[in-house]
């Protein structure tokens, strides 16, 4: 997914950047079945939510990093991860 260069501009601000990342993830058809929220804290963007697989999480991270020059960290536990399976 290629987005306009103004999405990663420092002038865009953290609130605008997190909204841009959230929108880019929401509109990616390959992420259907997932739910992500984007939270900024201390200059870092965090992905929270649900994903059916680690591949889905990796795709969301790639999209977020293509939109933002900020550090992006996932706090998403994929449904098919070993820990998630132990909890169910």
PDB file of N, CA and C in Angstrom:
ATOM      1  N   UNK A   1       0.851  -1.160   0.000  1.00  0.00           N
ATOM      2  CA  UNK A   1       0.000   0.000   0.000  1.00  0.00           C
ATOM      3  C   UNK A   1       0.905   1.235   0.000  1.00  0.00           C
ATOM      4  N   UNK A   2       0.715   2.107  -0.939  1.00  0.00           N
ATOM      5  CA  UNK A   2       1.497   3.333  -1.016  1.00  0.00           C
ATOM      6  C   UNK A   2       0.580   4.486  -0.667  1.00  0.00           C
ATOM      7  N   UNK A   3       1.027   5.277   0.314  1.00  0.00           N
ATOM      8  CA  UNK A   3       0.255   6.424   0.769  1.00  0.00           C
ATOM      9  C   UNK A   3       1.004   7.702   0.453  1.00  0.00           C
ATOM     10  N   UNK A   4       0.300   8.816   0.370  1.00  0.00           N
ATOM     11  CA  UNK A   4       0.967  10.088   0.101  1.00  0.00           C
ATOM     12  C   UNK A   4       2.040  10.387   1.143  1.00  0.00           C
ATOM     13  N   UNK A   5       3.093  11.055   0.714  1.00  0.00           N
ATOM     14  CA  UNK A   5       4.225  11.328   1.605  1.00  0.00           C
ATOM     15  C   UNK A   5       3.853  12.185   2.799  1.00  0.00           C
ATOM     16  N   UNK A   6       2.772  12.977   2.724  1.00  0.00           N
ATOM     17  CA  UNK A   6       2.419  13.839   3.857  1.00  0.00           C
ATOM     18  C   UNK A   6       1.970  13.037   5.083  1.00  0.00           C
ATOM     19  N   UNK A   7       1.651  11.750   4.925  1.00  0.00           N
ATOM     20  CA  UNK A   7       1.240  10.934   6.060  1.00  0.00           C
ATOM     21  C   UNK A   7       2.366  10.742   7.063  1.00  0.00           C
ATOM     22  N   UNK A   8       3.602  10.737   6.610  1.00  0.00           N
ATOM     23  CA  UNK A   8       4.712  10.526   7.531  1.00  0.00           C
ATOM     24  C   UNK A   8       5.447  11.815   7.875  1.00  0.00           C
ATOM     25  N   UNK A   9       4.892  12.926   7.490  1.00  0.00           N
ATOM     26  CA  UNK A   9       5.521  14.207   7.769  1.00  0.00           C
ATOM     27  C   UNK A   9       5.518  14.510   9.259  1.00  0.00           C
ATOM     28  N   UNK A  10       6.646  15.046   9.813  1.00  0.00           N
ATOM     29  CA  UNK A  10       6.666  15.412  11.228  1.00  0.00           C
ATOM     30  C   UNK A  10       5.587  16.432  11.579  1.00  0.00           C
ATOM     31  N   UNK A  11       5.212  17.265  10.610  1.00  0.00           N
ATOM     32  CA  UNK A  11       4.185  18.276  10.869  1.00  0.00           C
ATOM     33  C   UNK A  11       2.802  17.659  11.022  1.00  0.00           C
ATOM     34  N   UNK A  12       2.667  16.412  10.608  1.00  0.00           N
ATOM     35  CA  UNK A  12       1.374  15.730  10.678  1.00  0.00           C
ATOM     36  C   UNK A  12       0.955  15.510  12.127  1.00  0.00           C
ATOM     37  N   UNK A  13       1.920  15.363  13.038  1.00  0.00           N
ATOM     38  CA  UNK A  13       1.621  15.202  14.458  1.00  0.00           C
ATOM     39  C   UNK A  13       1.260  13.776  14.806  1.00  0.00           C
ATOM     40  N   UNK A  14       1.425  13.450  16.101  1.00  0.00           N
ATOM     41  CA  UNK A  14       1.159  12.083  16.543  1.00  0.00           C
ATOM     42  C   UNK A  14      -0.315  11.715  16.422  1.00  0.00           C
ATOM     43  N   UNK A  15      -1.218  12.629  16.763  1.00  0.00           N
ATOM     44  CA  UNK A  15      -2.648  12.305  16.668  1.00  0.00           C
ATOM     45  C   UNK A  15      -3.030  12.016  15.223  1.00  0.00           C
ATOM     46  N   UNK A  16      -2.572  12.856  14.317  1.00  0.00           N
ATOM     47  CA  UNK A  16      -2.855  12.646  12.906  1.00  0.00           C
ATOM     48  C   UNK A  16      -2.199  11.394  12.376  1.00  0.00           C
ATOM     49  N   UNK A  17      -0.992  11.113  12.837  1.00  0.00           N
ATOM     50  CA  UNK A  17      -0.287   9.917  12.398  1.00  0.00           C
ATOM     51  C   UNK A  17      -1.003   8.656  12.872  1.00  0.00           C
ATOM     52  N   UNK A  18      -1.415   8.635  14.128  1.00  0.00           N
ATOM     53  CA  UNK A  18      -2.108   7.440  14.622  1.00  0.00           C
ATOM     54  C   UNK A  18      -3.433   7.243  13.888  1.00  0.00           C
ATOM     55  N   UNK A  19      -4.120   8.335  13.555  1.00  0.00           N
ATOM     56  CA  UNK A  19      -5.365   8.216  12.786  1.00  0.00           C
ATOM     57  C   UNK A  19      -5.085   7.720  11.370  1.00  0.00           C
ATOM     58  N   UNK A  20      -4.001   8.208  10.769  1.00  0.00           N
ATOM     59  CA  UNK A  20      -3.642   7.763   9.418  1.00  0.00           C
ATOM     60  C   UNK A  20      -3.292   6.278   9.408  1.00  0.00           C
ATOM     61  N   UNK A  21      -2.552   5.838  10.426  1.00  0.00           N
ATOM     62  CA  UNK A  21      -2.200   4.421  10.538  1.00  0.00           C
ATOM     63  C   UNK A  21      -3.460   3.581  10.740  1.00  0.00           C
ATOM     64  N   UNK A  22      -4.326   4.031  11.636  1.00  0.00           N
ATOM     65  CA  UNK A  22      -5.582   3.323  11.900  1.00  0.00           C
ATOM     66  C   UNK A  22      -6.399   3.182  10.615  1.00  0.00           C
ATOM     67  N   UNK A  23      -6.492   4.253   9.844  1.00  0.00           N
ATOM     68  CA  UNK A  23      -7.256   4.225   8.592  1.00  0.00           C
ATOM     69  C   UNK A  23      -6.629   3.293   7.563  1.00  0.00           C
ATOM     70  N   UNK A  24      -5.310   3.371   7.416  1.00  0.00           N
ATOM     71  CA  UNK A  24      -4.631   2.520   6.435  1.00  0.00           C
ATOM     72  C   UNK A  24      -4.835   1.042   6.766  1.00  0.00           C
ATOM     73  N   UNK A  25      -4.748   0.705   8.044  1.00  0.00           N
ATOM     74  CA  UNK A  25      -4.961  -0.680   8.468  1.00  0.00           C
ATOM     75  C   UNK A  25      -6.413  -1.090   8.234  1.00  0.00           C
ATOM     76  N   UNK A  26      -7.340  -0.210   8.564  1.00  0.00           N
ATOM     77  CA  UNK A  26      -8.770  -0.517   8.430  1.00  0.00           C
ATOM     78  C   UNK A  26      -9.178  -0.775   6.979  1.00  0.00           C
ATOM     79  N   UNK A  27      -8.521  -0.089   6.040  1.00  0.00           N
ATOM     80  CA  UNK A  27      -8.903  -0.217   4.636  1.00  0.00           C
ATOM     81  C   UNK A  27      -8.157  -1.313   3.893  1.00  0.00           C
ATOM     82  N   UNK A  28      -7.247  -1.998   4.560  1.00  0.00           N
ATOM     83  CA  UNK A  28      -6.528  -3.082   3.902  1.00  0.00           C
ATOM     84  C   UNK A  28      -7.396  -4.345   3.926  1.00  0.00           C
ATOM     85  N   UNK A  29      -7.798  -4.791   2.759  1.00  0.00           N
ATOM     86  CA  UNK A  29      -8.716  -5.941   2.668  1.00  0.00           C
ATOM     87  C   UNK A  29      -8.088  -7.242   3.155  1.00  0.00           C
ATOM     88  N   UNK A  30      -6.771  -7.332   3.156  1.00  0.00           N
ATOM     89  CA  UNK A  30      -6.114  -8.555   3.627  1.00  0.00           C
ATOM     90  C   UNK A  30      -6.155  -8.668   5.148  1.00  0.00           C
ATOM     91  N   UNK A  31      -6.595  -7.611   5.827  1.00  0.00           N
ATOM     92  CA  UNK A  31      -6.675  -7.638   7.288  1.00  0.00           C
ATOM     93  C   UNK A  31      -8.106  -7.837   7.777  1.00  0.00           C
ATOM     94  N   UNK A  32      -9.011  -8.221   6.873  1.00  0.00           N
ATOM     95  CA  UNK A  32     -10.377  -8.526   7.294  1.00  0.00           C
ATOM     96  C   UNK A  32     -10.340  -9.627   8.356  1.00  0.00           C
ATOM     97  N   UNK A  33     -11.178  -9.501   9.352  1.00  0.00           N
ATOM     98  CA  UNK A  33     -11.202 -10.463  10.443  1.00  0.00           C
ATOM     99  C   UNK A  33     -10.304 -10.059  11.594  1.00  0.00           C
ATOM    100  N   UNK A  34      -9.647  -8.916  11.438  1.00  0.00           N
ATOM    101  CA  UNK A  34      -8.769  -8.389  12.483  1.00  0.00           C
ATOM    102  C   UNK A  34      -9.372  -7.107  13.040  1.00  0.00           C
ATOM    103  N   UNK A  35      -8.940  -6.753  14.230  1.00  0.00           N
ATOM    104  CA  UNK A  35      -9.362  -5.476  14.821  1.00  0.00           C
ATOM    105  C   UNK A  35      -8.139  -4.874  15.490  1.00  0.00           C
ATOM    106  N   UNK A  36      -7.720  -3.720  14.989  1.00  0.00           N
ATOM    107  CA  UNK A  36      -6.552  -3.048  15.536  1.00  0.00           C
ATOM    108  C   UNK A  36      -6.932  -1.652  16.006  1.00  0.00           C
ATOM    109  N   UNK A  37      -6.316  -1.241  17.090  1.00  0.00           N
ATOM    110  CA  UNK A  37      -6.365   0.156  17.500  1.00  0.00           C
ATOM    111  C   UNK A  37      -4.924   0.639  17.552  1.00  0.00           C
ATOM    112  N   UNK A  38      -4.755   1.932  17.350  1.00  0.00           N
ATOM    113  CA  UNK A  38      -3.426   2.533  17.352  1.00  0.00           C
ATOM    114  C   UNK A  38      -3.396   3.577  18.454  1.00  0.00           C
ATOM    115  N   UNK A  39      -2.408   3.431  19.348  1.00  0.00           N
ATOM    116  CA  UNK A  39      -2.270   4.326  20.487  1.00  0.00           C
ATOM    117  C   UNK A  39      -0.859   4.893  20.470  1.00  0.00           C
ATOM    118  N   UNK A  40      -0.737   6.193  20.681  1.00  0.00           N
ATOM    119  CA  UNK A  40       0.577   6.826  20.758  1.00  0.00           C
ATOM    120  C   UNK A  40       0.920   7.074  22.213  1.00  0.00           C
ATOM    121  N   UNK A  41       2.136   6.746  22.593  1.00  0.00           N
ATOM    122  CA  UNK A  41       2.619   7.017  23.941  1.00  0.00           C
ATOM    123  C   UNK A  41       4.124   7.239  23.878  1.00  0.00           C
ATOM    124  N   UNK A  42       4.560   8.401  24.319  1.00  0.00           N
ATOM    125  CA  UNK A  42       5.987   8.702  24.352  1.00  0.00           C
ATOM    126  C   UNK A  42       6.664   8.674  22.999  1.00  0.00           C
ATOM    127  N   UNK A  43       5.953   9.041  21.962  1.00  0.00           N
ATOM    128  CA  UNK A  43       6.530   9.057  20.625  1.00  0.00           C
ATOM    129  C   UNK A  43       6.569   7.709  19.930  1.00  0.00           C
ATOM    130  N   UNK A  44       5.930   6.718  20.531  1.00  0.00           N
ATOM    131  CA  UNK A  44       5.870   5.372  19.953  1.00  0.00           C
ATOM    132  C   UNK A  44       4.416   5.059  19.627  1.00  0.00           C
ATOM    133  N   UNK A  45       4.174   4.457  18.469  1.00  0.00           N
ATOM    134  CA  UNK A  45       2.827   4.008  18.112  1.00  0.00           C
ATOM    135  C   UNK A  45       2.700   2.536  18.475  1.00  0.00           C
ATOM    136  N   UNK A  46       1.662   2.206  19.236  1.00  0.00           N
ATOM    137  CA  UNK A  46       1.409   0.825  19.654  1.00  0.00           C
ATOM    138  C   UNK A  46       0.179   0.302  18.944  1.00  0.00           C
ATOM    139  N   UNK A  47       0.290  -0.905  18.405  1.00  0.00           N
ATOM    140  CA  UNK A  47      -0.863  -1.587  17.832  1.00  0.00           C
ATOM    141  C   UNK A  47      -1.425  -2.516  18.895  1.00  0.00           C
ATOM    142  N   UNK A  48      -2.689  -2.361  19.194  1.00  0.00           N
ATOM    143  CA  UNK A  48      -3.407  -3.232  20.114  1.00  0.00           C
ATOM    144  C   UNK A  48      -4.546  -3.876  19.339  1.00  0.00           C
ATOM    145  N   UNK A  49      -5.090  -4.960  19.867  1.00  0.00           N
ATOM    146  CA  UNK A  49      -6.269  -5.536  19.242  1.00  0.00           C
ATOM    147  C   UNK A  49      -6.199  -7.032  19.065  1.00  0.00           C
ATOM    148  N   UNK A  50      -6.853  -7.504  18.005  1.00  0.00           N
ATOM    149  CA  UNK A  50      -7.003  -8.925  17.723  1.00  0.00           C
ATOM    150  C   UNK A  50      -6.553  -9.198  16.299  1.00  0.00           C
ATOM    151  N   UNK A  51      -5.858 -10.305  16.118  1.00  0.00           N
ATOM    152  CA  UNK A  51      -5.481 -10.770  14.779  1.00  0.00           C
ATOM    153  C   UNK A  51      -5.542 -12.291  14.769  1.00  0.00           C
ATOM    154  N   UNK A  52      -6.011 -12.864  13.678  1.00  0.00           N
ATOM    155  CA  UNK A  52      -6.110 -14.321  13.615  1.00  0.00           C
ATOM    156  C   UNK A  52      -4.762 -15.035  13.485  1.00  0.00           C
ATOM    157  N   UNK A  53      -3.713 -14.320  13.038  1.00  0.00           N
ATOM    158  CA  UNK A  53      -2.416 -14.982  12.848  1.00  0.00           C
ATOM    159  C   UNK A  53      -1.272 -13.984  12.983  1.00  0.00           C
ATOM    160  N   UNK A  54      -0.072 -14.520  13.142  1.00  0.00           N
ATOM    161  CA  UNK A  54       1.119 -13.665  13.209  1.00  0.00           C
ATOM    162  C   UNK A  54       1.359 -12.974  11.869  1.00  0.00           C
ATOM    163  N   UNK A  55       1.025 -13.637  10.768  1.00  0.00           N
ATOM    164  CA  UNK A  55       1.163 -13.010   9.448  1.00  0.00           C
ATOM    165  C   UNK A  55       0.313 -11.749   9.359  1.00  0.00           C
ATOM    166  N   UNK A  56      -0.868 -11.793   9.937  1.00  0.00           N
ATOM    167  CA  UNK A  56      -1.759 -10.637   9.940  1.00  0.00           C
ATOM    168  C   UNK A  56      -1.147  -9.496  10.750  1.00  0.00           C
ATOM    169  N   UNK A  57      -0.575  -9.825  11.887  1.00  0.00           N
ATOM    170  CA  UNK A  57       0.089  -8.815  12.718  1.00  0.00           C
ATOM    171  C   UNK A  57       1.251  -8.194  11.951  1.00  0.00           C
ATOM    172  N   UNK A  58       2.044  -9.029  11.282  1.00  0.00           N
ATOM    173  CA  UNK A  58       3.188  -8.526  10.521  1.00  0.00           C
ATOM    174  C   UNK A  58       2.744  -7.602   9.393  1.00  0.00           C
ATOM    175  N   UNK A  59       1.642  -7.928   8.752  1.00  0.00           N
ATOM    176  CA  UNK A  59       1.127  -7.055   7.687  1.00  0.00           C
ATOM    177  C   UNK A  59       0.696  -5.716   8.259  1.00  0.00           C
ATOM    178  N   UNK A  60      -0.012  -5.732   9.388  1.00  0.00           N
ATOM    179  CA  UNK A  60      -0.435  -4.482  10.018  1.00  0.00           C
ATOM    180  C   UNK A  60       0.770  -3.636  10.427  1.00  0.00           C
ATOM    181  N   UNK A  61       1.806  -4.280  10.959  1.00  0.00           N
ATOM    182  CA  UNK A  61       3.030  -3.555  11.318  1.00  0.00           C
ATOM    183  C   UNK A  61       3.687  -2.939  10.083  1.00  0.00           C
ATOM    184  N   UNK A  62       3.735  -3.680   8.999  1.00  0.00           N
ATOM    185  CA  UNK A  62       4.337  -3.160   7.767  1.00  0.00           C
ATOM    186  C   UNK A  62       3.559  -1.947   7.255  1.00  0.00           C
ATOM    187  N   UNK A  63       2.243  -2.019   7.308  1.00  0.00           N
ATOM    188  CA  UNK A  63       1.424  -0.887   6.881  1.00  0.00           C
ATOM    189  C   UNK A  63       1.688   0.307   7.786  1.00  0.00           C
ATOM    190  N   UNK A  64       1.678   0.082   9.090  1.00  0.00           N
ATOM    191  CA  UNK A  64       1.907   1.175  10.041  1.00  0.00           C
ATOM    192  C   UNK A  64       3.264   1.823   9.807  1.00  0.00           C
ATOM    193  N   UNK A  65       4.278   1.026   9.578  1.00  0.00           N
ATOM    194  CA  UNK A  65       5.625   1.562   9.359  1.00  0.00           C
ATOM    195  C   UNK A  65       5.749   2.278   8.021  1.00  0.00           C
ATOM    196  N   UNK A  66       4.914   1.905   7.053  1.00  0.00           N
ATOM    197  CA  UNK A  66       4.947   2.601   5.766  1.00  0.00           C
ATOM    198  C   UNK A  66       4.259   3.964   5.859  1.00  0.00           C
ATOM    199  N   UNK A  67       3.374   4.117   6.823  1.00  0.00           N
ATOM    200  CA  UNK A  67       2.637   5.365   6.997  1.00  0.00           C
ATOM    201  C   UNK A  67       3.380   6.324   7.919  1.00  0.00           C
ATOM    202  N   UNK A  68       4.066   5.786   8.913  1.00  0.00           N
ATOM    203  CA  UNK A  68       4.661   6.607   9.960  1.00  0.00           C
ATOM    204  C   UNK A  68       6.166   6.423  10.054  1.00  0.00           C
ATOM    205  N   UNK A  69       6.839   7.514  10.347  1.00  0.00           N
ATOM    206  CA  UNK A  69       8.276   7.459  10.598  1.00  0.00           C
ATOM    207  C   UNK A  69       8.550   7.145  12.070  1.00  0.00           C
ATOM    208  N   UNK A  70       7.498   7.078  12.880  1.00  0.00           N
ATOM    209  CA  UNK A  70       7.636   6.774  14.309  1.00  0.00           C
ATOM    210  C   UNK A  70       7.986   5.301  14.503  1.00  0.00           C
ATOM    211  N   UNK A  71       8.477   4.993  15.684  1.00  0.00           N
ATOM    212  CA  UNK A  71       8.659   3.592  16.064  1.00  0.00           C
ATOM    213  C   UNK A  71       7.271   2.974  16.236  1.00  0.00           C
ATOM    214  N   UNK A  72       7.062   1.779  15.724  1.00  0.00           N
ATOM    215  CA  UNK A  72       5.776   1.090  15.815  1.00  0.00           C
ATOM    216  C   UNK A  72       6.000  -0.250  16.500  1.00  0.00           C
ATOM    217  N   UNK A  73       5.203  -0.527  17.539  1.00  0.00           N
ATOM    218  CA  UNK A  73       5.331  -1.747  18.326  1.00  0.00           C
ATOM    219  C   UNK A  73       3.978  -2.449  18.382  1.00  0.00           C
ATOM    220  N   UNK A  74       3.997  -3.747  18.229  1.00  0.00           N
ATOM    221  CA  UNK A  74       2.760  -4.524  18.336  1.00  0.00           C
ATOM    222  C   UNK A  74       2.596  -5.068  19.749  1.00  0.00           C
ATOM    223  N   UNK A  75       1.394  -4.886  20.275  1.00  0.00           N
ATOM    224  CA  UNK A  75       1.018  -5.532  21.536  1.00  0.00           C
ATOM    225  C   UNK A  75      -0.129  -6.501  21.264  1.00  0.00           C
ATOM    226  N   UNK A  76      -0.244  -6.937  20.021  1.00  0.00           N
ATOM    227  CA  UNK A  76      -1.303  -7.846  19.590  1.00  0.00           C
ATOM    228  C   UNK A  76      -0.837  -9.286  19.773  1.00  0.00           C
ATOM    229  N   UNK A  77      -1.673 -10.085  20.405  1.00  0.00           N
ATOM    230  CA  UNK A  77      -1.402 -11.510  20.555  1.00  0.00           C
ATOM    231  C   UNK A  77      -2.255 -12.250  19.529  1.00  0.00           C
ATOM    232  N   UNK A  78      -1.626 -12.827  18.503  1.00  0.00           N
ATOM    233  CA  UNK A  78      -2.410 -13.521  17.481  1.00  0.00           C
ATOM    234  C   UNK A  78      -3.198 -14.689  18.075  1.00  0.00           C
ATOM    235  N   UNK A  79      -4.368 -14.930  17.546  1.00  0.00           N
ATOM    236  CA  UNK A  79      -5.245 -15.999  18.040  1.00  0.00           C
ATOM    237  C   UNK A  79      -4.602 -17.371  17.915  1.00  0.00           C
ATOM    238  N   UNK A  80      -3.732 -17.553  16.929  1.00  0.00           N
ATOM    239  CA  UNK A  80      -3.119 -18.867  16.738  1.00  0.00           C
ATOM    240  C   UNK A  80      -1.764 -18.988  17.435  1.00  0.00           C
ATOM    241  N   UNK A  81      -1.426 -18.039  18.317  1.00  0.00           N
ATOM    242  CA  UNK A  81      -0.153 -18.142  19.030  1.00  0.00           C
ATOM    243  C   UNK A  81      -0.262 -19.193  20.130  1.00  0.00           C
ATOM    244  N   UNK A  82       0.868 -19.707  20.549  1.00  0.00           N
ATOM    245  CA  UNK A  82       0.889 -20.755  21.586  1.00  0.00           C
ATOM    246  C   UNK A  82       0.244 -20.255  22.886  1.00  0.00           C
ATOM    247  N   UNK A  83       0.556 -19.013  23.270  1.00  0.00           N
ATOM    248  CA  UNK A  83       0.013 -18.474  24.514  1.00  0.00           C
ATOM    249  C   UNK A  83      -1.508 -18.310  24.430  1.00  0.00           C
ATOM    250  N   UNK A  84      -1.988 -17.818  23.294  1.00  0.00           N
ATOM    251  CA  UNK A  84      -3.433 -17.636  23.120  1.00  0.00           C
ATOM    252  C   UNK A  84      -4.150 -18.984  23.173  1.00  0.00           C
ATOM    253  N   UNK A  85      -3.547 -20.001  22.577  1.00  0.00           N
ATOM    254  CA  UNK A  85      -4.164 -21.325  22.585  1.00  0.00           C
ATOM    255  C   UNK A  85      -4.215 -21.907  24.005  1.00  0.00           C
ATOM    256  N   UNK A  86      -3.202 -21.620  24.819  1.00  0.00           N
ATOM    257  CA  UNK A  86      -3.199 -22.095  26.204  1.00  0.00           C
ATOM    258  C   UNK A  86      -4.273 -21.418  27.047  1.00  0.00           C
ATOM    259  N   UNK A  87      -4.589 -20.158  26.717  1.00  0.00           N
ATOM    260  CA  UNK A  87      -5.589 -19.401  27.485  1.00  0.00           C
ATOM    261  C   UNK A  87      -7.011 -19.845  27.159  1.00  0.00           C
ATOM    262  N   UNK A  88      -7.227 -20.442  25.992  1.00  0.00           N
ATOM    263  CA  UNK A  88      -8.601 -20.795  25.615  1.00  0.00           C
ATOM    264  C   UNK A  88      -9.033 -22.131  26.138  1.00  0.00           C
TER     265      UNK A  88
END
